[in-house]
Amino acid sequence: PMDVKVGEKRYYDVAKHESRLNPWDVLRYSSNSGMINMSLSRFSDKELYGWLSHIGFGHAIDTPSIYTRGGLLPATPWVPQDQASRTIGQGVSTTTLQLAAMYNIFANDGLYITPYLVEGDTPVQPRRVFSSEIAETMRKMLEYVVQQGHLNSIMPPEINVAGKTGTADSYDTRQGKYIDDYTLSFAGFFPATNPTITMVVSVQKAT
């Protein structure tokens, strides 16, 4: 459906879509309702927290030459409304570099490869996060999102791109609340079938 209520909060979808979606189209339409329904029916709060932590949320990147922030991933237990919010990225924060490293997992057949920014640094040993089969499926899903959405018309010709847009509410720490401002992003990689470049483009104060 176009909206779902969890606890005292109702979550809405922005893009109009059919009343039934498969997971590929849940991703394509950025369906909050679809993601929340899948999350609450498939995962406990501890399981979802474990997966988010496993792919890098809440952990600073282990780069020897620079300091990086770890972002925010609140610990469990969560009430259902907390889980619904975490599922669609609310109440969670990350950096652009972290996001690039997470998308890079799918580009690298399920391996987390720690980025390094200074030539001569010794890279951290890669670790497996997902199977190569899951990573391949995600590459296809993210390519589908680009090809079937409005982004396809602005992509470079003859290069298949896989990726996803993001819209994050801005939180003002001084006011202690979310404000009417956004951070817009596009994260992905190309070529979609055999990636060589992973990239995140982020624009703050997009309004």
C-alpha atoms as a PDB file:
ATOM      1  CA  PRO A   1       0.000   0.000   0.000  1.00  0.00           C
ATOM      2  CA  MET A   2       0.954   3.668  -0.251  1.00  0.00           C
ATOM      3  CA  ASP A   3       1.256   3.964   3.524  1.00  0.00           C
ATOM      4  CA  VAL A   4       1.626   1.834   6.637  1.00  0.00           C
ATOM      5  CA  LYS A   5       1.052   2.597  10.307  1.00  0.00           C
ATOM      6  CA  VAL A   6       3.426   1.214  12.929  1.00  0.00           C
ATOM      7  CA  GLY A   7       2.791   2.154  16.517  1.00  0.00           C
ATOM      8  CA  GLU A   8       1.712   5.780  16.595  1.00  0.00           C
ATOM      9  CA  LYS A   9       3.489   6.729  13.378  1.00  0.00           C
ATOM     10  CA  ARG A  10       2.306   6.459   9.777  1.00  0.00           C
ATOM     11  CA  TYR A  11       4.877   6.108   7.011  1.00  0.00           C
ATOM     12  CA  TYR A  12       4.094   7.245   3.476  1.00  0.00           C
ATOM     13  CA  ASP A  13       5.374   6.523  -0.022  1.00  0.00           C
ATOM     14  CA  VAL A  14       6.086   9.447  -2.341  1.00  0.00           C
ATOM     15  CA  ALA A  15       6.096   7.809  -5.787  1.00  0.00           C
ATOM     16  CA  LYS A  16       2.745   6.444  -6.950  1.00  0.00           C
ATOM     17  CA  HIS A  17       2.818   2.700  -7.590  1.00  0.00           C
ATOM     18  CA  GLU A  18       0.702  -0.436  -7.910  1.00  0.00           C
ATOM     19  CA  SER A  19      -0.910  -1.937  -4.820  1.00  0.00           C
ATOM     20  CA  ARG A  20       1.388  -4.987  -4.953  1.00  0.00           C
ATOM     21  CA  LEU A  21       5.147  -4.758  -5.537  1.00  0.00           C
ATOM     22  CA  ASN A  22       7.907  -7.332  -5.771  1.00  0.00           C
ATOM     23  CA  PRO A  23      11.194  -6.537  -3.968  1.00  0.00           C
ATOM     24  CA  TRP A  24      12.786  -5.163  -7.164  1.00  0.00           C
ATOM     25  CA  ASP A  25      10.020  -2.568  -7.511  1.00  0.00           C
ATOM     26  CA  VAL A  26      10.005  -1.808  -3.790  1.00  0.00           C
ATOM     27  CA  LEU A  27      13.583  -0.662  -4.404  1.00  0.00           C
ATOM     28  CA  ARG A  28      12.698   1.076  -7.682  1.00  0.00           C
ATOM     29  CA  TYR A  29       9.909   3.148  -6.124  1.00  0.00           C
ATOM     30  CA  SER A  30      11.743   3.736  -2.819  1.00  0.00           C
ATOM     31  CA  SER A  31       8.681   2.298  -1.141  1.00  0.00           C
ATOM     32  CA  ASN A  32       8.850   2.934   2.599  1.00  0.00           C
ATOM     33  CA  SER A  33       5.741   0.833   3.061  1.00  0.00           C
ATOM     34  CA  GLY A  34       7.230  -2.105   1.172  1.00  0.00           C
ATOM     35  CA  MET A  35      10.534  -1.996   3.024  1.00  0.00           C
ATOM     36  CA  ILE A  36       8.836  -1.757   6.413  1.00  0.00           C
ATOM     37  CA  ASN A  37       6.478  -4.645   5.672  1.00  0.00           C
ATOM     38  CA  MET A  38       9.394  -6.848   4.592  1.00  0.00           C
ATOM     39  CA  SER A  39      11.513  -5.857   7.574  1.00  0.00           C
ATOM     40  CA  LEU A  40       8.877  -6.443  10.255  1.00  0.00           C
ATOM     41  CA  SER A  41       7.774  -9.758   8.744  1.00  0.00           C
ATOM     42  CA  ARG A  42      11.279 -11.192   8.242  1.00  0.00           C
ATOM     43  CA  PHE A  43      13.574  -9.857  10.962  1.00  0.00           C
ATOM     44  CA  SER A  44      13.607  -9.370  14.694  1.00  0.00           C
ATOM     45  CA  ASP A  45      15.066  -6.087  15.880  1.00  0.00           C
ATOM     46  CA  LYS A  46      18.282  -7.839  16.912  1.00  0.00           C
ATOM     47  CA  GLU A  47      18.608  -9.523  13.501  1.00  0.00           C
ATOM     48  CA  LEU A  48      18.153  -6.258  11.621  1.00  0.00           C
ATOM     49  CA  TYR A  49      20.587  -4.490  13.937  1.00  0.00           C
ATOM     50  CA  GLY A  50      23.091  -7.302  13.344  1.00  0.00           C
ATOM     51  CA  TRP A  51      22.884  -6.970   9.557  1.00  0.00           C
ATOM     52  CA  LEU A  52      23.149  -3.178   9.594  1.00  0.00           C
ATOM     53  CA  SER A  53      26.169  -3.398  11.873  1.00  0.00           C
ATOM     54  CA  HIS A  54      27.676  -6.189   9.748  1.00  0.00           C
ATOM     55  CA  ILE A  55      27.739  -4.058   6.601  1.00  0.00           C
ATOM     56  CA  GLY A  56      29.267  -1.072   8.387  1.00  0.00           C
ATOM     57  CA  PHE A  57      26.636   1.149   9.983  1.00  0.00           C
ATOM     58  CA  GLY A  58      27.779   2.557  13.313  1.00  0.00           C
ATOM     59  CA  HIS A  59      31.465   1.716  12.754  1.00  0.00           C
ATOM     60  CA  ALA A  60      34.252   4.111  11.837  1.00  0.00           C
ATOM     61  CA  ILE A  61      36.242   3.002   8.807  1.00  0.00           C
ATOM     62  CA  ASP A  62      39.594   1.516   9.814  1.00  0.00           C
ATOM     63  CA  THR A  63      41.844   3.872   7.876  1.00  0.00           C
ATOM     64  CA  PRO A  64      45.313   4.208   9.446  1.00  0.00           C
ATOM     65  CA  SER A  65      46.130   7.743   8.284  1.00  0.00           C
ATOM     66  CA  ILE A  66      42.902   9.660   8.886  1.00  0.00           C
ATOM     67  CA  TYR A  67      40.101   9.922  11.428  1.00  0.00           C
ATOM     68  CA  THR A  68      36.617   8.937  10.279  1.00  0.00           C
ATOM     69  CA  ARG A  69      33.303   9.163  12.062  1.00  0.00           C
ATOM     70  CA  GLY A  70      31.284   6.041  12.766  1.00  0.00           C
ATOM     71  CA  GLY A  71      27.831   7.500  12.280  1.00  0.00           C
ATOM     72  CA  LEU A  72      24.893   6.444  14.421  1.00  0.00           C
ATOM     73  CA  LEU A  73      23.203   3.069  14.799  1.00  0.00           C
ATOM     74  CA  PRO A  74      21.213   2.928  18.073  1.00  0.00           C
ATOM     75  CA  ALA A  75      21.484  -0.338  19.969  1.00  0.00           C
ATOM     76  CA  THR A  76      18.539  -2.685  20.457  1.00  0.00           C
ATOM     77  CA  PRO A  77      16.018  -3.408  21.897  1.00  0.00           C
ATOM     78  CA  TRP A  78      13.763  -1.505  19.507  1.00  0.00           C
ATOM     79  CA  VAL A  79      10.012  -1.211  19.571  1.00  0.00           C
ATOM     80  CA  PRO A  80       8.327  -1.931  16.185  1.00  0.00           C
ATOM     81  CA  GLN A  81       8.193   1.796  15.375  1.00  0.00           C
ATOM     82  CA  ASP A  82      11.961   2.025  15.964  1.00  0.00           C
ATOM     83  CA  GLN A  83      12.554  -0.903  13.626  1.00  0.00           C
ATOM     84  CA  ALA A  84      10.306   0.621  10.956  1.00  0.00           C
ATOM     85  CA  SER A  85      12.208   3.907  11.171  1.00  0.00           C
ATOM     86  CA  ARG A  86      15.649   2.224  11.074  1.00  0.00           C
ATOM     87  CA  THR A  87      14.565   0.176   8.060  1.00  0.00           C
ATOM     88  CA  ILE A  88      14.106   3.289   5.929  1.00  0.00           C
ATOM     89  CA  GLY A  89      17.114   5.109   7.341  1.00  0.00           C
ATOM     90  CA  GLN A  90      15.495   7.322   9.964  1.00  0.00           C
ATOM     91  CA  GLY A  91      17.330   7.557  13.275  1.00  0.00           C
ATOM     92  CA  VAL A  92      20.481   6.247  11.574  1.00  0.00           C
ATOM     93  CA  SER A  93      23.357   8.332  10.256  1.00  0.00           C
ATOM     94  CA  THR A  94      26.337   7.571   8.051  1.00  0.00           C
ATOM     95  CA  THR A  95      29.078   9.372   6.161  1.00  0.00           C
ATOM     96  CA  THR A  96      29.507   9.579   2.407  1.00  0.00           C
ATOM     97  CA  LEU A  97      32.676   7.463   2.660  1.00  0.00           C
ATOM     98  CA  GLN A  98      30.859   4.789   4.692  1.00  0.00           C
ATOM     99  CA  LEU A  99      28.051   4.693   2.144  1.00  0.00           C
ATOM    100  CA  ALA A 100      30.530   4.244  -0.703  1.00  0.00           C
ATOM    101  CA  ALA A 101      32.217   1.388   1.176  1.00  0.00           C
ATOM    102  CA  MET A 102      28.844  -0.311   1.731  1.00  0.00           C
ATOM    103  CA  TYR A 103      27.792  -0.106  -1.923  1.00  0.00           C
ATOM    104  CA  ASN A 104      31.253  -1.357  -2.822  1.00  0.00           C
ATOM    105  CA  ILE A 105      30.343  -4.645  -1.118  1.00  0.00           C
ATOM    106  CA  PHE A 106      27.950  -5.428  -3.983  1.00  0.00           C
ATOM    107  CA  ALA A 107      30.478  -4.290  -6.592  1.00  0.00           C
ATOM    108  CA  ASN A 108      33.087  -6.646  -5.103  1.00  0.00           C
ATOM    109  CA  ASP A 109      31.066  -9.872  -5.038  1.00  0.00           C
ATOM    110  CA  GLY A 110      30.066  -9.532  -1.391  1.00  0.00           C
ATOM    111  CA  LEU A 111      33.454  -8.565   0.053  1.00  0.00           C
ATOM    112  CA  TYR A 112      33.892  -5.504   2.269  1.00  0.00           C
ATOM    113  CA  ILE A 113      37.079  -3.797   1.139  1.00  0.00           C
ATOM    114  CA  THR A 114      38.180  -1.010   3.449  1.00  0.00           C
ATOM    115  CA  PRO A 115      38.908   2.173   1.478  1.00  0.00           C
ATOM    116  CA  TYR A 116      42.172   3.974   2.042  1.00  0.00           C
ATOM    117  CA  LEU A 117      42.949   7.559   1.091  1.00  0.00           C
ATOM    118  CA  VAL A 118      46.721   7.841   1.501  1.00  0.00           C
ATOM    119  CA  GLU A 119      49.091   6.134  -0.894  1.00  0.00           C
ATOM    120  CA  GLY A 120      51.293   3.644   0.914  1.00  0.00           C
ATOM    121  CA  ASP A 121      48.726   2.723   3.576  1.00  0.00           C
ATOM    122  CA  THR A 122      48.395  -1.006   4.136  1.00  0.00           C
ATOM    123  CA  PRO A 123      44.848  -2.022   3.211  1.00  0.00           C
ATOM    124  CA  VAL A 124      42.864  -3.981   5.787  1.00  0.00           C
ATOM    125  CA  GLN A 125      42.189  -7.594   4.842  1.00  0.00           C
ATOM    126  CA  PRO A 126      38.842  -7.858   2.992  1.00  0.00           C
ATOM    127  CA  ARG A 127      36.019  -9.634   4.827  1.00  0.00           C
ATOM    128  CA  ARG A 128      33.036 -11.449   3.401  1.00  0.00           C
ATOM    129  CA  VAL A 129      29.661  -9.871   4.117  1.00  0.00           C
ATOM    130  CA  PHE A 130      27.391 -11.522   1.525  1.00  0.00           C
ATOM    131  CA  SER A 131      27.733 -14.463  -0.808  1.00  0.00           C
ATOM    132  CA  SER A 132      28.731 -13.715  -4.397  1.00  0.00           C
ATOM    133  CA  GLU A 133      25.234 -14.829  -5.468  1.00  0.00           C
ATOM    134  CA  ILE A 134      23.551 -12.227  -3.249  1.00  0.00           C
ATOM    135  CA  ALA A 135      25.956  -9.540  -4.465  1.00  0.00           C
ATOM    136  CA  GLU A 136      25.192 -10.420  -8.091  1.00  0.00           C
ATOM    137  CA  THR A 137      21.445 -10.231  -7.443  1.00  0.00           C
ATOM    138  CA  MET A 138      21.872  -6.818  -5.820  1.00  0.00           C
ATOM    139  CA  ARG A 139      23.885  -5.567  -8.794  1.00  0.00           C
ATOM    140  CA  LYS A 140      21.054  -6.626 -11.086  1.00  0.00           C
ATOM    141  CA  MET A 141      18.443  -5.018  -8.828  1.00  0.00           C
ATOM    142  CA  LEU A 142      20.339  -1.735  -8.663  1.00  0.00           C
ATOM    143  CA  GLU A 143      20.834  -1.774 -12.441  1.00  0.00           C
ATOM    144  CA  TYR A 144      17.083  -2.358 -12.807  1.00  0.00           C
ATOM    145  CA  VAL A 145      16.377   0.649 -10.571  1.00  0.00           C
ATOM    146  CA  VAL A 146      18.405   2.916 -12.872  1.00  0.00           C
ATOM    147  CA  GLN A 147      17.110   1.461 -16.137  1.00  0.00           C
ATOM    148  CA  GLN A 148      13.437   1.568 -15.137  1.00  0.00           C
ATOM    149  CA  GLY A 149      13.537   4.932 -13.414  1.00  0.00           C
ATOM    150  CA  HIS A 150      13.932   8.548 -14.463  1.00  0.00           C
ATOM    151  CA  LEU A 151      17.717   8.388 -13.953  1.00  0.00           C
ATOM    152  CA  ASN A 152      18.189   6.336 -17.100  1.00  0.00           C
ATOM    153  CA  SER A 153      17.771   9.381 -19.343  1.00  0.00           C
ATOM    154  CA  ILE A 154      20.745  11.213 -17.783  1.00  0.00           C
ATOM    155  CA  MET A 155      23.204   8.316 -17.555  1.00  0.00           C
ATOM    156  CA  PRO A 156      26.251   8.116 -19.855  1.00  0.00           C
ATOM    157  CA  PRO A 157      25.414   6.344 -23.131  1.00  0.00           C
ATOM    158  CA  GLU A 158      26.604   2.755 -23.538  1.00  0.00           C
ATOM    159  CA  ILE A 159      27.548   2.456 -19.850  1.00  0.00           C
ATOM    160  CA  ASN A 160      25.220   0.467 -17.615  1.00  0.00           C
ATOM    161  CA  VAL A 161      25.069   2.054 -14.167  1.00  0.00           C
ATOM    162  CA  ALA A 162      23.726   0.360 -11.025  1.00  0.00           C
ATOM    163  CA  GLY A 163      22.678   2.523  -8.112  1.00  0.00           C
ATOM    164  CA  LYS A 164      20.054   4.159  -5.954  1.00  0.00           C
ATOM    165  CA  THR A 165      18.970   7.647  -5.006  1.00  0.00           C
ATOM    166  CA  GLY A 166      18.603   8.656  -1.387  1.00  0.00           C
ATOM    167  CA  THR A 167      16.725  11.395   0.458  1.00  0.00           C
ATOM    168  CA  ALA A 168      17.715  12.007   4.065  1.00  0.00           C
ATOM    169  CA  ASP A 169      15.985  14.355   6.486  1.00  0.00           C
ATOM    170  CA  SER A 170      18.355  16.844   8.108  1.00  0.00           C
ATOM    171  CA  TYR A 171      18.687  16.822  11.886  1.00  0.00           C
ATOM    172  CA  ASP A 172      19.598  20.036  13.673  1.00  0.00           C
ATOM    173  CA  THR A 173      21.563  19.160  16.809  1.00  0.00           C
ATOM    174  CA  ARG A 174      21.069  22.633  18.300  1.00  0.00           C
ATOM    175  CA  GLN A 175      17.286  22.439  17.958  1.00  0.00           C
ATOM    176  CA  GLY A 176      17.212  18.742  18.806  1.00  0.00           C
ATOM    177  CA  LYS A 177      14.840  17.914  15.968  1.00  0.00           C
ATOM    178  CA  TYR A 178      14.522  17.239  12.244  1.00  0.00           C
ATOM    179  CA  ILE A 179      14.132  20.359  10.136  1.00  0.00           C
ATOM    180  CA  ASP A 180      12.660  21.116   6.720  1.00  0.00           C
ATOM    181  CA  ASP A 181      15.865  20.398   4.826  1.00  0.00           C
ATOM    182  CA  TYR A 182      17.352  17.398   3.056  1.00  0.00           C
ATOM    183  CA  THR A 183      20.505  15.671   1.910  1.00  0.00           C
ATOM    184  CA  LEU A 184      20.091  14.131  -1.534  1.00  0.00           C
ATOM    185  CA  SER A 185      22.412  11.418  -2.803  1.00  0.00           C
ATOM    186  CA  PHE A 186      23.059   8.928  -5.538  1.00  0.00           C
ATOM    187  CA  ALA A 187      25.187   5.891  -4.715  1.00  0.00           C
ATOM    188  CA  GLY A 188      26.223   3.192  -7.142  1.00  0.00           C
ATOM    189  CA  PHE A 189      28.843   1.730  -9.440  1.00  0.00           C
ATOM    190  CA  PHE A 190      29.623   1.054 -13.099  1.00  0.00           C
ATOM    191  CA  PRO A 191      29.779  -0.835 -15.358  1.00  0.00           C
ATOM    192  CA  ALA A 192      26.913  -2.635 -13.640  1.00  0.00           C
ATOM    193  CA  THR A 193      27.901  -6.189 -14.590  1.00  0.00           C
ATOM    194  CA  ASN A 194      31.653  -5.853 -13.947  1.00  0.00           C
ATOM    195  CA  PRO A 195      32.139  -2.750 -11.791  1.00  0.00           C
ATOM    196  CA  THR A 196      35.398  -0.822 -11.758  1.00  0.00           C
ATOM    197  CA  ILE A 197      34.257   2.417 -10.076  1.00  0.00           C
ATOM    198  CA  THR A 198      32.041   2.958  -7.028  1.00  0.00           C
ATOM    199  CA  MET A 199      30.850   6.494  -6.368  1.00  0.00           C
ATOM    200  CA  VAL A 200      28.557   8.492  -4.097  1.00  0.00           C
ATOM    201  CA  VAL A 201      27.333  11.983  -4.988  1.00  0.00           C
ATOM    202  CA  SER A 202      25.819  13.893  -2.077  1.00  0.00           C
ATOM    203  CA  VAL A 203      24.157  17.308  -2.014  1.00  0.00           C
ATOM    204  CA  GLN A 204      23.274  18.944   1.301  1.00  0.00           C
ATOM    205  CA  LYS A 205      20.690  21.674   1.803  1.00  0.00           C
ATOM    206  CA  ALA A 206      19.067  20.641  -1.454  1.00  0.00           C
ATOM    207  CA  THR A 207      15.982  22.768  -0.739  1.00  0.00           C
END
